[in-house]
Amino acid sequence: MVHVFIIHGWGASPEKEWYRWLAMKLEQRGFTATVPRMPNPERPSINEWTAKLAEVAGSEAKPYFVGHSIGCQTILRYIERSGKPASGVLLVAPWLHLKEAAYETEQDRETAREWLSTPIDFKAVRKRMGSCRVIMARDDPFVPVEDSEIFRKELGASINIMPVKLHFTAEDGYSELHAALNEFMKMV
């Protein structure tokens, strides 16, 4: 059975947003889906989050990954560091840069600094990641849509830019994300 790991975003949990809904929909289609609880979600660190992903996904042969926001970077960094292949990756609201609105506190700025200043070896990731699809909002309040071009160029990603001004969170009204299910099924 093919395993899918859904990695939540900064400040989120497996119970928030659309993660459990997507896991249920994928399980109805014959996948095994896991939404791990990432450590210290209010102050995520690269080492802690990639270690957690290695713990839960490391024994799987060519799983699929779905990430949201900082969960996307976690997936890319895990693939880079582990050297393990993935069948495909779906990135929802991924970022390599952030808009000023992303920083509510100085602590947010400190947390983001590590993620923003530590480069990703895209060539290593691309060699191991299978196919890649990206969903972004045209007017995400936190993520510049221009980052989509980096994912297209560096990872060969297929890009779906939705005409909304949201970050695909529960606060934005997303307890389900049909675009994620549709893009995932195109990938497989």
N, C-alpha and C. Protein backbone atom coordinates (compact mmCIF):
# COMPACT_ATOMS: atom_id res chain seq x y z
N MET A 1 0.84 -1.18 0.00
CA MET A 1 0.00 0.00 0.00
C MET A 1 0.89 1.25 0.00
N VAL A 2 0.52 2.24 -0.77
CA VAL A 2 1.30 3.47 -0.89
C VAL A 2 1.01 4.39 0.29
N HIS A 3 2.08 4.92 0.88
CA HIS A 3 1.95 5.76 2.06
C HIS A 3 2.09 7.23 1.68
N VAL A 4 1.22 8.06 2.27
CA VAL A 4 1.26 9.51 2.09
C VAL A 4 1.45 10.15 3.46
N PHE A 5 2.43 11.04 3.56
CA PHE A 5 2.67 11.79 4.78
C PHE A 5 2.26 13.23 4.55
N ILE A 6 1.38 13.74 5.41
CA ILE A 6 0.86 15.10 5.31
C ILE A 6 1.48 15.89 6.46
N ILE A 7 2.28 16.90 6.12
CA ILE A 7 3.02 17.65 7.13
C ILE A 7 2.38 19.03 7.32
N HIS A 8 1.94 19.25 8.54
CA HIS A 8 1.21 20.48 8.86
C HIS A 8 2.14 21.70 8.90
N GLY A 9 1.53 22.85 9.02
CA GLY A 9 2.26 24.11 9.01
C GLY A 9 2.65 24.60 10.39
N TRP A 10 3.31 25.71 10.39
CA TRP A 10 3.79 26.42 11.59
C TRP A 10 2.58 26.82 12.42
N GLY A 11 2.61 26.48 13.70
CA GLY A 11 1.53 26.84 14.61
C GLY A 11 0.29 25.97 14.47
N ALA A 12 0.37 24.96 13.65
CA ALA A 12 -0.79 24.09 13.39
C ALA A 12 -0.60 22.75 14.09
N SER A 13 -1.53 21.85 13.84
CA SER A 13 -1.48 20.49 14.38
C SER A 13 -2.24 19.58 13.42
N PRO A 14 -2.12 18.27 13.60
CA PRO A 14 -2.85 17.36 12.71
C PRO A 14 -4.35 17.57 12.71
N GLU A 15 -4.89 18.09 13.82
CA GLU A 15 -6.34 18.28 13.92
C GLU A 15 -6.83 19.56 13.26
N LYS A 16 -5.93 20.49 13.00
CA LYS A 16 -6.34 21.77 12.42
C LYS A 16 -6.34 21.70 10.89
N GLU A 17 -6.86 22.75 10.33
CA GLU A 17 -6.85 22.95 8.88
C GLU A 17 -7.60 21.83 8.16
N TRP A 18 -7.07 21.37 7.06
CA TRP A 18 -7.70 20.40 6.16
C TRP A 18 -6.95 19.07 6.14
N TYR A 19 -6.01 18.88 7.04
CA TYR A 19 -5.12 17.72 6.98
C TYR A 19 -5.84 16.39 7.19
N ARG A 20 -6.66 16.29 8.22
CA ARG A 20 -7.38 15.03 8.48
C ARG A 20 -8.39 14.75 7.36
N TRP A 21 -9.01 15.79 6.84
CA TRP A 21 -9.96 15.62 5.74
C TRP A 21 -9.24 15.00 4.54
N LEU A 22 -8.06 15.56 4.19
CA LEU A 22 -7.31 15.02 3.06
C LEU A 22 -6.88 13.58 3.34
N ALA A 23 -6.41 13.29 4.53
CA ALA A 23 -6.01 11.92 4.89
C ALA A 23 -7.17 10.96 4.70
N MET A 24 -8.37 11.36 5.16
CA MET A 24 -9.55 10.50 5.01
C MET A 24 -9.87 10.26 3.52
N LYS A 25 -9.81 11.33 2.72
CA LYS A 25 -10.11 11.19 1.30
C LYS A 25 -9.09 10.29 0.60
N LEU A 26 -7.84 10.39 0.97
CA LEU A 26 -6.81 9.54 0.37
C LEU A 26 -6.97 8.09 0.80
N GLU A 27 -7.32 7.88 2.06
CA GLU A 27 -7.55 6.51 2.54
C GLU A 27 -8.74 5.87 1.82
N GLN A 28 -9.77 6.67 1.50
CA GLN A 28 -10.91 6.16 0.74
C GLN A 28 -10.49 5.72 -0.66
N ARG A 29 -9.36 6.24 -1.14
CA ARG A 29 -8.84 5.90 -2.46
C ARG A 29 -7.75 4.84 -2.40
N GLY A 30 -7.55 4.24 -1.22
CA GLY A 30 -6.63 3.13 -1.10
C GLY A 30 -5.23 3.45 -0.61
N PHE A 31 -4.97 4.68 -0.24
CA PHE A 31 -3.66 5.05 0.31
C PHE A 31 -3.66 4.89 1.82
N THR A 32 -2.49 4.75 2.40
CA THR A 32 -2.32 4.89 3.84
C THR A 32 -1.86 6.33 4.05
N ALA A 33 -2.52 7.06 4.92
CA ALA A 33 -2.18 8.47 5.13
C ALA A 33 -1.88 8.72 6.60
N THR A 34 -0.78 9.43 6.83
CA THR A 34 -0.34 9.76 8.18
C THR A 34 -0.14 11.27 8.28
N VAL A 35 -0.68 11.85 9.34
CA VAL A 35 -0.48 13.28 9.62
C VAL A 35 0.25 13.35 10.97
N PRO A 36 1.58 13.35 10.94
CA PRO A 36 2.31 13.36 12.21
C PRO A 36 2.22 14.70 12.92
N ARG A 37 2.28 14.64 14.24
CA ARG A 37 2.33 15.86 15.05
C ARG A 37 3.79 16.30 15.08
N MET A 38 4.06 17.44 14.50
CA MET A 38 5.43 17.94 14.43
C MET A 38 5.80 18.61 15.76
N PRO A 39 7.07 18.51 16.15
CA PRO A 39 7.47 19.04 17.46
C PRO A 39 7.49 20.56 17.51
N ASN A 40 7.13 21.08 18.66
CA ASN A 40 7.24 22.51 18.94
C ASN A 40 6.68 23.36 17.77
N PRO A 41 5.41 23.20 17.43
CA PRO A 41 4.88 23.87 16.24
C PRO A 41 4.88 25.39 16.29
N GLU A 42 4.95 25.97 17.49
CA GLU A 42 4.99 27.43 17.57
C GLU A 42 6.37 27.98 17.28
N ARG A 43 7.41 27.14 17.42
CA ARG A 43 8.80 27.55 17.13
C ARG A 43 9.48 26.41 16.38
N PRO A 44 9.04 26.12 15.17
CA PRO A 44 9.62 24.99 14.43
C PRO A 44 11.09 25.23 14.11
N SER A 45 11.87 24.15 14.18
CA SER A 45 13.27 24.23 13.78
C SER A 45 13.53 23.17 12.71
N ILE A 46 14.44 23.47 11.82
CA ILE A 46 14.74 22.56 10.72
C ILE A 46 15.16 21.19 11.25
N ASN A 47 16.09 21.16 12.19
CA ASN A 47 16.59 19.87 12.68
C ASN A 47 15.50 19.05 13.36
N GLU A 48 14.69 19.69 14.21
CA GLU A 48 13.63 18.95 14.89
C GLU A 48 12.58 18.42 13.91
N TRP A 49 12.21 19.25 12.96
CA TRP A 49 11.14 18.84 12.04
C TRP A 49 11.62 17.79 11.05
N THR A 50 12.83 17.92 10.53
CA THR A 50 13.31 16.89 9.60
C THR A 50 13.59 15.58 10.34
N ALA A 51 14.03 15.67 11.60
CA ALA A 51 14.24 14.45 12.40
C ALA A 51 12.91 13.74 12.65
N LYS A 52 11.87 14.50 12.94
CA LYS A 52 10.55 13.89 13.15
C LYS A 52 10.06 13.22 11.87
N LEU A 53 10.25 13.88 10.74
CA LEU A 53 9.82 13.28 9.47
C LEU A 53 10.63 12.02 9.18
N ALA A 54 11.92 12.03 9.48
CA ALA A 54 12.75 10.83 9.30
C ALA A 54 12.25 9.70 10.20
N GLU A 55 11.84 10.04 11.40
CA GLU A 55 11.33 9.04 12.35
C GLU A 55 10.07 8.36 11.82
N VAL A 56 9.15 9.14 11.27
CA VAL A 56 7.87 8.56 10.84
C VAL A 56 7.89 8.03 9.42
N ALA A 57 8.72 8.59 8.55
CA ALA A 57 8.70 8.19 7.13
C ALA A 57 9.94 7.44 6.68
N GLY A 58 10.96 7.41 7.50
CA GLY A 58 12.25 6.87 7.09
C GLY A 58 12.26 5.43 6.62
N SER A 59 11.34 4.62 7.13
CA SER A 59 11.33 3.20 6.74
C SER A 59 10.46 2.92 5.51
N GLU A 60 9.77 3.93 5.02
CA GLU A 60 8.87 3.75 3.87
C GLU A 60 9.64 3.84 2.55
N ALA A 61 9.29 2.98 1.63
CA ALA A 61 9.90 3.00 0.29
C ALA A 61 9.08 3.91 -0.62
N LYS A 62 9.67 5.00 -1.06
CA LYS A 62 9.07 5.93 -2.02
C LYS A 62 7.67 6.41 -1.64
N PRO A 63 7.52 7.01 -0.48
CA PRO A 63 6.21 7.55 -0.12
C PRO A 63 5.89 8.82 -0.91
N TYR A 64 4.67 9.26 -0.78
CA TYR A 64 4.26 10.57 -1.26
C TYR A 64 4.24 11.51 -0.07
N PHE A 65 4.40 12.80 -0.34
CA PHE A 65 4.36 13.80 0.71
C PHE A 65 3.45 14.94 0.29
N VAL A 66 2.72 15.47 1.27
CA VAL A 66 1.93 16.69 1.10
C VAL A 66 2.34 17.60 2.23
N GLY A 67 2.69 18.84 1.91
CA GLY A 67 3.07 19.78 2.94
C GLY A 67 2.27 21.06 2.83
N HIS A 68 2.14 21.73 3.96
CA HIS A 68 1.49 23.03 4.00
C HIS A 68 2.44 24.03 4.64
N SER A 69 2.71 25.11 3.94
CA SER A 69 3.52 26.20 4.45
C SER A 69 4.91 25.70 4.86
N ILE A 70 5.27 25.82 6.12
CA ILE A 70 6.60 25.38 6.55
C ILE A 70 6.76 23.86 6.45
N GLY A 71 5.64 23.14 6.42
CA GLY A 71 5.69 21.70 6.19
C GLY A 71 6.29 21.36 4.83
N CYS A 72 6.12 22.27 3.86
CA CYS A 72 6.71 22.07 2.53
C CYS A 72 8.22 22.10 2.60
N GLN A 73 8.76 23.09 3.29
CA GLN A 73 10.22 23.16 3.45
C GLN A 73 10.72 21.93 4.20
N THR A 74 9.97 21.48 5.20
CA THR A 74 10.37 20.29 5.96
C THR A 74 10.53 19.10 5.02
N ILE A 75 9.58 18.90 4.14
CA ILE A 75 9.63 17.79 3.20
C ILE A 75 10.84 17.90 2.29
N LEU A 76 11.04 19.08 1.70
CA LEU A 76 12.17 19.26 0.79
C LEU A 76 13.49 19.04 1.51
N ARG A 77 13.62 19.54 2.72
CA ARG A 77 14.86 19.37 3.48
C ARG A 77 15.05 17.92 3.91
N TYR A 78 13.96 17.22 4.23
CA TYR A 78 14.06 15.79 4.57
C TYR A 78 14.57 15.00 3.36
N ILE A 79 14.00 15.24 2.19
CA ILE A 79 14.44 14.53 0.98
C ILE A 79 15.92 14.84 0.71
N GLU A 80 16.29 16.10 0.83
CA GLU A 80 17.68 16.50 0.62
C GLU A 80 18.62 15.78 1.59
N ARG A 81 18.30 15.80 2.87
CA ARG A 81 19.18 15.25 3.91
C ARG A 81 19.21 13.74 3.94
N SER A 82 18.06 13.12 3.74
CA SER A 82 17.98 11.66 3.88
C SER A 82 18.52 10.93 2.65
N GLY A 83 18.41 11.57 1.50
CA GLY A 83 18.81 10.90 0.27
C GLY A 83 17.81 9.83 -0.16
N LYS A 84 16.68 9.74 0.52
CA LYS A 84 15.67 8.72 0.19
C LYS A 84 14.73 9.24 -0.89
N PRO A 85 14.35 8.40 -1.83
CA PRO A 85 13.46 8.85 -2.90
C PRO A 85 12.01 8.96 -2.44
N ALA A 86 11.30 9.85 -3.10
CA ALA A 86 9.86 10.01 -2.89
C ALA A 86 9.17 9.77 -4.22
N SER A 87 7.94 9.33 -4.17
CA SER A 87 7.17 9.13 -5.41
C SER A 87 6.65 10.45 -5.96
N GLY A 88 6.36 11.39 -5.06
CA GLY A 88 5.85 12.68 -5.47
C GLY A 88 5.63 13.57 -4.28
N VAL A 89 5.57 14.87 -4.55
CA VAL A 89 5.43 15.87 -3.51
C VAL A 89 4.40 16.91 -3.93
N LEU A 90 3.45 17.20 -3.05
CA LEU A 90 2.49 18.27 -3.26
C LEU A 90 2.76 19.33 -2.20
N LEU A 91 3.02 20.55 -2.65
CA LEU A 91 3.34 21.66 -1.76
C LEU A 91 2.20 22.68 -1.80
N VAL A 92 1.60 22.94 -0.65
CA VAL A 92 0.50 23.89 -0.54
C VAL A 92 1.00 25.13 0.22
N ALA A 93 0.96 26.27 -0.44
CA ALA A 93 1.44 27.54 0.12
C ALA A 93 2.89 27.44 0.57
N PRO A 94 3.76 26.89 -0.28
CA PRO A 94 5.17 26.78 0.10
C PRO A 94 5.85 28.14 0.04
N TRP A 95 6.92 28.29 0.80
CA TRP A 95 7.62 29.57 0.77
C TRP A 95 9.12 29.40 0.96
N LEU A 96 9.82 30.31 0.32
CA LEU A 96 11.26 30.47 0.50
C LEU A 96 11.56 31.89 0.97
N HIS A 97 10.56 32.75 0.84
CA HIS A 97 10.60 34.13 1.31
C HIS A 97 9.27 34.39 2.01
N LEU A 98 9.23 35.39 2.86
CA LEU A 98 7.98 35.74 3.55
C LEU A 98 7.71 37.22 3.42
N LYS A 99 6.42 37.55 3.38
CA LYS A 99 6.01 38.96 3.42
C LYS A 99 6.07 39.45 4.87
N GLU A 100 6.10 40.73 5.03
CA GLU A 100 6.20 41.34 6.37
C GLU A 100 5.04 40.91 7.27
N ALA A 101 3.86 40.68 6.71
CA ALA A 101 2.68 40.30 7.50
C ALA A 101 2.85 38.96 8.20
N ALA A 102 3.82 38.15 7.78
CA ALA A 102 4.05 36.84 8.41
C ALA A 102 4.61 36.97 9.82
N TYR A 103 5.15 38.14 10.14
CA TYR A 103 5.81 38.33 11.43
C TYR A 103 4.90 39.09 12.38
N GLU A 104 4.21 38.36 13.24
CA GLU A 104 3.38 39.01 14.25
C GLU A 104 4.21 39.43 15.45
N THR A 105 5.30 38.70 15.71
CA THR A 105 6.15 38.99 16.86
C THR A 105 7.62 38.90 16.44
N GLU A 106 8.49 39.38 17.30
CA GLU A 106 9.93 39.24 17.06
C GLU A 106 10.32 37.77 17.10
N GLN A 107 9.63 36.98 17.92
CA GLN A 107 9.88 35.53 17.97
C GLN A 107 9.60 34.89 16.62
N ASP A 108 8.54 35.33 15.92
CA ASP A 108 8.24 34.82 14.58
C ASP A 108 9.41 35.10 13.64
N ARG A 109 9.94 36.28 13.73
CA ARG A 109 11.07 36.68 12.87
C ARG A 109 12.29 35.80 13.16
N GLU A 110 12.54 35.55 14.45
CA GLU A 110 13.67 34.68 14.84
C GLU A 110 13.47 33.26 14.33
N THR A 111 12.27 32.74 14.47
CA THR A 111 11.97 31.38 14.02
C THR A 111 12.15 31.27 12.50
N ALA A 112 11.64 32.24 11.79
CA ALA A 112 11.73 32.21 10.32
C ALA A 112 13.15 32.35 9.81
N ARG A 113 13.98 33.05 10.56
CA ARG A 113 15.34 33.34 10.10
C ARG A 113 16.09 32.07 9.68
N GLU A 114 16.03 31.02 10.49
CA GLU A 114 16.72 29.77 10.17
C GLU A 114 16.22 29.19 8.84
N TRP A 115 14.92 29.19 8.66
CA TRP A 115 14.32 28.61 7.45
C TRP A 115 14.62 29.45 6.22
N LEU A 116 14.71 30.75 6.40
CA LEU A 116 14.96 31.65 5.28
C LEU A 116 16.44 31.69 4.89
N SER A 117 17.32 31.46 5.84
CA SER A 117 18.75 31.63 5.57
C SER A 117 19.50 30.32 5.30
N THR A 118 18.85 29.18 5.51
CA THR A 118 19.50 27.90 5.25
C THR A 118 19.08 27.42 3.87
N PRO A 119 20.02 27.41 2.91
CA PRO A 119 19.64 27.05 1.54
C PRO A 119 19.23 25.57 1.41
N ILE A 120 18.45 25.31 0.39
CA ILE A 120 18.03 23.96 0.03
C ILE A 120 18.77 23.58 -1.25
N ASP A 121 19.32 22.38 -1.29
CA ASP A 121 19.98 21.88 -2.50
C ASP A 121 18.89 21.32 -3.42
N PHE A 122 18.35 22.19 -4.27
CA PHE A 122 17.23 21.79 -5.13
C PHE A 122 17.62 20.69 -6.11
N LYS A 123 18.86 20.67 -6.57
CA LYS A 123 19.28 19.61 -7.50
C LYS A 123 19.19 18.24 -6.83
N ALA A 124 19.63 18.15 -5.59
CA ALA A 124 19.56 16.89 -4.86
C ALA A 124 18.11 16.48 -4.63
N VAL A 125 17.27 17.45 -4.28
CA VAL A 125 15.86 17.16 -4.04
C VAL A 125 15.19 16.70 -5.33
N ARG A 126 15.41 17.42 -6.42
CA ARG A 126 14.75 17.11 -7.68
C ARG A 126 15.08 15.70 -8.17
N LYS A 127 16.31 15.26 -7.94
CA LYS A 127 16.73 13.92 -8.37
C LYS A 127 15.95 12.82 -7.66
N ARG A 128 15.44 13.11 -6.46
CA ARG A 128 14.84 12.07 -5.63
C ARG A 128 13.33 12.22 -5.40
N MET A 129 12.74 13.30 -5.89
CA MET A 129 11.38 13.59 -5.45
C MET A 129 10.25 13.11 -6.34
N GLY A 130 10.51 12.49 -7.44
CA GLY A 130 9.40 12.14 -8.31
C GLY A 130 8.77 13.40 -8.85
N SER A 131 7.47 13.40 -9.01
CA SER A 131 6.80 14.59 -9.54
C SER A 131 6.51 15.58 -8.42
N CYS A 132 6.29 16.83 -8.82
CA CYS A 132 6.04 17.89 -7.84
C CYS A 132 4.92 18.79 -8.36
N ARG A 133 3.99 19.08 -7.48
CA ARG A 133 2.90 20.00 -7.79
C ARG A 133 2.82 21.02 -6.67
N VAL A 134 2.44 22.24 -7.02
CA VAL A 134 2.38 23.35 -6.07
C VAL A 134 1.03 24.04 -6.18
N ILE A 135 0.44 24.35 -5.04
CA ILE A 135 -0.77 25.17 -4.97
C ILE A 135 -0.40 26.43 -4.19
N MET A 136 -0.66 27.58 -4.80
CA MET A 136 -0.43 28.85 -4.13
C MET A 136 -1.63 29.75 -4.35
N ALA A 137 -1.77 30.72 -3.46
CA ALA A 137 -2.81 31.74 -3.62
C ALA A 137 -2.19 32.96 -4.30
N ARG A 138 -2.93 33.54 -5.21
CA ARG A 138 -2.44 34.73 -5.92
C ARG A 138 -2.07 35.83 -4.94
N ASP A 139 -2.87 35.99 -3.88
CA ASP A 139 -2.64 37.07 -2.92
C ASP A 139 -2.52 36.53 -1.50
N ASP A 140 -1.66 35.54 -1.31
CA ASP A 140 -1.41 35.01 0.03
C ASP A 140 -0.86 36.15 0.89
N PRO A 141 -1.40 36.38 2.08
CA PRO A 141 -0.92 37.50 2.89
C PRO A 141 0.50 37.30 3.44
N PHE A 142 0.98 36.06 3.45
CA PHE A 142 2.28 35.75 4.04
C PHE A 142 3.35 35.34 3.02
N VAL A 143 2.91 34.75 1.91
CA VAL A 143 3.84 34.13 0.96
C VAL A 143 3.79 34.85 -0.38
N PRO A 144 4.93 35.29 -0.89
CA PRO A 144 4.93 35.94 -2.21
C PRO A 144 4.68 34.92 -3.32
N VAL A 145 3.71 35.19 -4.16
CA VAL A 145 3.38 34.27 -5.25
C VAL A 145 4.55 34.09 -6.21
N GLU A 146 5.46 35.05 -6.22
CA GLU A 146 6.64 34.96 -7.08
C GLU A 146 7.52 33.75 -6.73
N ASP A 147 7.41 33.24 -5.51
CA ASP A 147 8.16 32.03 -5.15
C ASP A 147 7.76 30.85 -6.03
N SER A 148 6.58 30.90 -6.62
CA SER A 148 6.14 29.80 -7.49
C SER A 148 7.12 29.58 -8.64
N GLU A 149 7.72 30.65 -9.13
CA GLU A 149 8.68 30.51 -10.23
C GLU A 149 9.94 29.77 -9.80
N ILE A 150 10.33 29.92 -8.55
CA ILE A 150 11.48 29.17 -8.04
C ILE A 150 11.16 27.68 -8.04
N PHE A 151 9.96 27.33 -7.58
CA PHE A 151 9.58 25.92 -7.54
C PHE A 151 9.44 25.35 -8.95
N ARG A 152 8.94 26.15 -9.88
CA ARG A 152 8.82 25.70 -11.26
C ARG A 152 10.21 25.46 -11.86
N LYS A 153 11.09 26.42 -11.69
CA LYS A 153 12.43 26.34 -12.28
C LYS A 153 13.29 25.27 -11.61
N GLU A 154 13.35 25.29 -10.28
CA GLU A 154 14.27 24.41 -9.55
C GLU A 154 13.79 22.98 -9.40
N LEU A 155 12.46 22.79 -9.31
CA LEU A 155 11.92 21.45 -9.06
C LEU A 155 11.08 20.92 -10.22
N GLY A 156 10.90 21.72 -11.25
CA GLY A 156 10.05 21.28 -12.36
C GLY A 156 8.60 21.13 -11.95
N ALA A 157 8.19 21.89 -10.96
CA ALA A 157 6.84 21.76 -10.40
C ALA A 157 5.77 22.28 -11.35
N SER A 158 4.64 21.60 -11.33
CA SER A 158 3.43 22.08 -11.98
C SER A 158 2.76 23.02 -10.97
N ILE A 159 2.41 24.22 -11.40
CA ILE A 159 1.93 25.26 -10.49
C ILE A 159 0.44 25.54 -10.71
N ASN A 160 -0.32 25.56 -9.62
CA ASN A 160 -1.72 25.96 -9.63
C ASN A 160 -1.85 27.19 -8.73
N ILE A 161 -1.99 28.36 -9.35
CA ILE A 161 -2.16 29.59 -8.58
C ILE A 161 -3.64 29.91 -8.51
N MET A 162 -4.18 29.82 -7.32
CA MET A 162 -5.61 30.03 -7.12
C MET A 162 -5.90 31.52 -6.93
N PRO A 163 -7.01 32.00 -7.49
CA PRO A 163 -7.33 33.44 -7.43
C PRO A 163 -7.96 33.83 -6.09
N VAL A 164 -7.22 33.60 -5.01
CA VAL A 164 -7.73 33.92 -3.67
C VAL A 164 -6.68 34.68 -2.88
N LYS A 165 -7.12 35.26 -1.77
CA LYS A 165 -6.22 36.02 -0.89
C LYS A 165 -6.18 35.30 0.46
N LEU A 166 -5.61 34.10 0.46
CA LEU A 166 -5.64 33.25 1.64
C LEU A 166 -4.35 32.44 1.76
N HIS A 167 -4.15 31.83 2.94
CA HIS A 167 -2.99 30.96 3.17
C HIS A 167 -3.45 29.51 3.39
N PHE A 168 -4.71 29.22 3.04
CA PHE A 168 -5.28 27.87 3.12
C PHE A 168 -5.26 27.33 4.55
N THR A 169 -5.71 28.15 5.49
CA THR A 169 -5.78 27.75 6.90
C THR A 169 -7.23 27.64 7.35
N ALA A 170 -7.41 27.08 8.53
CA ALA A 170 -8.75 27.01 9.11
C ALA A 170 -9.30 28.41 9.34
N GLU A 171 -8.43 29.35 9.73
CA GLU A 171 -8.87 30.73 9.92
C GLU A 171 -9.40 31.33 8.62
N ASP A 172 -8.89 30.83 7.50
CA ASP A 172 -9.37 31.27 6.18
C ASP A 172 -10.62 30.51 5.75
N GLY A 173 -11.07 29.55 6.58
CA GLY A 173 -12.27 28.79 6.25
C GLY A 173 -12.00 27.44 5.60
N TYR A 174 -10.75 26.97 5.67
CA TYR A 174 -10.42 25.71 5.01
C TYR A 174 -10.37 24.54 5.99
N SER A 175 -11.48 23.83 6.10
CA SER A 175 -11.50 22.55 6.81
C SER A 175 -11.39 21.42 5.79
N GLU A 176 -11.58 21.77 4.53
CA GLU A 176 -11.40 20.87 3.39
C GLU A 176 -10.63 21.66 2.33
N LEU A 177 -9.81 20.96 1.56
CA LEU A 177 -9.09 21.62 0.48
C LEU A 177 -9.14 20.72 -0.76
N HIS A 178 -10.22 20.90 -1.51
CA HIS A 178 -10.45 20.05 -2.69
C HIS A 178 -9.34 20.20 -3.72
N ALA A 179 -8.75 21.39 -3.83
CA ALA A 179 -7.64 21.59 -4.77
C ALA A 179 -6.48 20.67 -4.44
N ALA A 180 -6.22 20.45 -3.15
CA ALA A 180 -5.13 19.55 -2.75
C ALA A 180 -5.43 18.12 -3.17
N LEU A 181 -6.65 17.68 -2.96
CA LEU A 181 -7.02 16.32 -3.38
C LEU A 181 -6.91 16.20 -4.90
N ASN A 182 -7.41 17.18 -5.63
CA ASN A 182 -7.35 17.13 -7.10
C ASN A 182 -5.92 17.11 -7.60
N GLU A 183 -5.07 17.98 -7.06
CA GLU A 183 -3.67 18.04 -7.50
C GLU A 183 -2.94 16.75 -7.12
N PHE A 184 -3.23 16.21 -5.96
CA PHE A 184 -2.58 14.95 -5.56
C PHE A 184 -2.95 13.84 -6.53
N MET A 185 -4.23 13.74 -6.87
CA MET A 185 -4.67 12.66 -7.76
C MET A 185 -4.10 12.84 -9.17
N LYS A 186 -3.86 14.07 -9.61
CA LYS A 186 -3.18 14.29 -10.89
C LYS A 186 -1.75 13.78 -10.81
N MET A 187 -1.13 13.93 -9.67
CA MET A 187 0.26 13.54 -9.49
C MET A 187 0.43 12.03 -9.54
N VAL A 188 -0.53 11.31 -9.00
CA VAL A 188 -0.40 9.85 -8.94
C VAL A 188 -0.98 9.22 -10.21
